[in-house]
Amino acid sequence: MIYRTRGTCSTQIDLDVDENHIIKHVAFTGGCNGNLKGICKLVTGRKAEDVIETLKGTTCGFKSTSCPDQLARALEIAIGQEQ
């Protein structure tokens, strides 16, 4: 799945979630390279629901969203829990 981010320095998230909602792959385009690579490593292999619960609502500076929050939103779409 390709998710176009909104309101962040990153512009896109590529992700793959299997039928059991396990995150198989995540890659960000743009943004803070090292931090986002770290986030990708931390979430790969975890259940999407757990990652959503942890990351949803994270802000970045004065922004109402962040790259982790955008990942949570993308995961909600990927597993059909978009709100």
C-alpha atoms as a PDB file:
ATOM      1  CA  MET A   1       0.000   0.000   0.000  1.00  0.00           C
ATOM      2  CA  ILE A   2       1.143   3.536  -0.715  1.00  0.00           C
ATOM      3  CA  TYR A   3      -0.101   6.255   1.646  1.00  0.00           C
ATOM      4  CA  ARG A   4       0.412   9.929   0.812  1.00  0.00           C
ATOM      5  CA  THR A   5       1.111  11.753   4.049  1.00  0.00           C
ATOM      6  CA  ARG A   6      -0.460  15.081   4.995  1.00  0.00           C
ATOM      7  CA  GLY A   7       1.111  17.798   7.125  1.00  0.00           C
ATOM      8  CA  THR A   8       4.550  16.196   7.552  1.00  0.00           C
ATOM      9  CA  CYS A   9       8.041  16.470   6.093  1.00  0.00           C
ATOM     10  CA  SER A  10       7.731  12.933   4.748  1.00  0.00           C
ATOM     11  CA  THR A  11       5.574  12.710   1.637  1.00  0.00           C
ATOM     12  CA  GLN A  12       4.751   9.022   1.386  1.00  0.00           C
ATOM     13  CA  ILE A  13       4.673   5.776   3.358  1.00  0.00           C
ATOM     14  CA  ASP A  14       5.009   2.419   1.613  1.00  0.00           C
ATOM     15  CA  LEU A  15       3.757  -0.440   3.748  1.00  0.00           C
ATOM     16  CA  ASP A  16       2.833  -4.088   3.633  1.00  0.00           C
ATOM     17  CA  VAL A  17       0.566  -5.668   6.240  1.00  0.00           C
ATOM     18  CA  ASP A  18      -0.381  -9.351   6.066  1.00  0.00           C
ATOM     19  CA  GLU A  19      -3.817 -10.927   6.588  1.00  0.00           C
ATOM     20  CA  ASN A  20      -3.102 -11.295  10.335  1.00  0.00           C
ATOM     21  CA  HIS A  21      -2.366  -7.555  10.564  1.00  0.00           C
ATOM     22  CA  ILE A  22       1.369  -8.131  11.053  1.00  0.00           C
ATOM     23  CA  ILE A  23       3.472  -5.326   9.583  1.00  0.00           C
ATOM     24  CA  LYS A  24       5.874  -6.840   7.050  1.00  0.00           C
ATOM     25  CA  HIS A  25       7.443  -3.707   5.568  1.00  0.00           C
ATOM     26  CA  VAL A  26       7.422   0.073   6.126  1.00  0.00           C
ATOM     27  CA  ALA A  27       9.406   2.752   4.284  1.00  0.00           C
ATOM     28  CA  PHE A  28       9.025   6.541   4.396  1.00  0.00           C
ATOM     29  CA  THR A  29       9.876   8.944   1.570  1.00  0.00           C
ATOM     30  CA  GLY A  30      11.357  12.186   2.864  1.00  0.00           C
ATOM     31  CA  GLY A  31      11.355  13.278   6.476  1.00  0.00           C
ATOM     32  CA  CYS A  32      14.033  12.720   9.119  1.00  0.00           C
ATOM     33  CA  ASN A  33      15.898   9.821   7.568  1.00  0.00           C
ATOM     34  CA  GLY A  34      17.500   8.201  10.616  1.00  0.00           C
ATOM     35  CA  ASN A  35      14.481   8.598  12.880  1.00  0.00           C
ATOM     36  CA  LEU A  36      12.124   7.159  10.286  1.00  0.00           C
ATOM     37  CA  LYS A  37      14.398   4.218   9.545  1.00  0.00           C
ATOM     38  CA  GLY A  38      14.387   3.524  13.287  1.00  0.00           C
ATOM     39  CA  ILE A  39      10.595   3.669  13.458  1.00  0.00           C
ATOM     40  CA  CYS A  40      10.378   1.251  10.524  1.00  0.00           C
ATOM     41  CA  LYS A  41      12.641  -1.241  12.299  1.00  0.00           C
ATOM     42  CA  LEU A  42      10.690  -0.906  15.552  1.00  0.00           C
ATOM     43  CA  VAL A  43       7.270  -1.551  13.999  1.00  0.00           C
ATOM     44  CA  THR A  44       8.146  -4.292  11.503  1.00  0.00           C
ATOM     45  CA  GLY A  45       6.910  -7.642  12.809  1.00  0.00           C
ATOM     46  CA  ARG A  46       4.388  -6.061  15.207  1.00  0.00           C
ATOM     47  CA  LYS A  47       0.596  -6.135  15.045  1.00  0.00           C
ATOM     48  CA  ALA A  48      -0.847  -3.100  13.305  1.00  0.00           C
ATOM     49  CA  GLU A  49      -3.362  -2.539  16.113  1.00  0.00           C
ATOM     50  CA  ASP A  50      -0.582  -2.275  18.706  1.00  0.00           C
ATOM     51  CA  VAL A  51       1.358   0.219  16.598  1.00  0.00           C
ATOM     52  CA  ILE A  52      -1.783   2.295  15.966  1.00  0.00           C
ATOM     53  CA  GLU A  53      -2.499   2.448  19.695  1.00  0.00           C
ATOM     54  CA  THR A  54       1.072   3.530  20.428  1.00  0.00           C
ATOM     55  CA  LEU A  55       1.596   6.098  17.658  1.00  0.00           C
ATOM     56  CA  LYS A  56      -1.813   7.631  16.930  1.00  0.00           C
ATOM     57  CA  GLY A  57      -2.028  11.244  18.047  1.00  0.00           C
ATOM     58  CA  THR A  58       1.719  11.881  18.185  1.00  0.00           C
ATOM     59  CA  THR A  59       2.469  15.475  17.205  1.00  0.00           C
ATOM     60  CA  CYS A  60       5.586  17.135  15.801  1.00  0.00           C
ATOM     61  CA  GLY A  61       6.368  20.610  17.116  1.00  0.00           C
ATOM     62  CA  PHE A  62       3.445  22.925  16.395  1.00  0.00           C
ATOM     63  CA  LYS A  63       1.867  20.505  13.901  1.00  0.00           C
ATOM     64  CA  SER A  64      -1.260  18.528  14.775  1.00  0.00           C
ATOM     65  CA  THR A  65       0.247  15.380  13.239  1.00  0.00           C
ATOM     66  CA  SER A  66       3.640  13.705  12.756  1.00  0.00           C
ATOM     67  CA  CYS A  67       5.238  10.933  10.731  1.00  0.00           C
ATOM     68  CA  PRO A  68       4.365   8.360  13.442  1.00  0.00           C
ATOM     69  CA  ASP A  69       0.762   9.640  13.516  1.00  0.00           C
ATOM     70  CA  GLN A  70       0.578   9.412   9.721  1.00  0.00           C
ATOM     71  CA  LEU A  71       1.850   5.825   9.931  1.00  0.00           C
ATOM     72  CA  ALA A  72      -0.938   5.022  12.404  1.00  0.00           C
ATOM     73  CA  ARG A  73      -3.487   6.520  10.006  1.00  0.00           C
ATOM     74  CA  ALA A  74      -2.058   4.519   7.080  1.00  0.00           C
ATOM     75  CA  LEU A  75      -2.230   1.327   9.151  1.00  0.00           C
ATOM     76  CA  GLU A  76      -5.869   2.001  10.021  1.00  0.00           C
ATOM     77  CA  ILE A  77      -6.655   2.144   6.314  1.00  0.00           C
ATOM     78  CA  ALA A  78      -4.563  -0.945   5.587  1.00  0.00           C
ATOM     79  CA  ILE A  79      -6.468  -3.075   8.105  1.00  0.00           C
ATOM     80  CA  GLY A  80      -9.879  -1.508   7.444  1.00  0.00           C
ATOM     81  CA  GLN A  81     -10.225   0.432  10.703  1.00  0.00           C
ATOM     82  CA  GLU A  82     -10.182   3.917   9.221  1.00  0.00           C
ATOM     83  CA  GLN A  83     -12.041   6.333  11.468  1.00  0.00           C
END
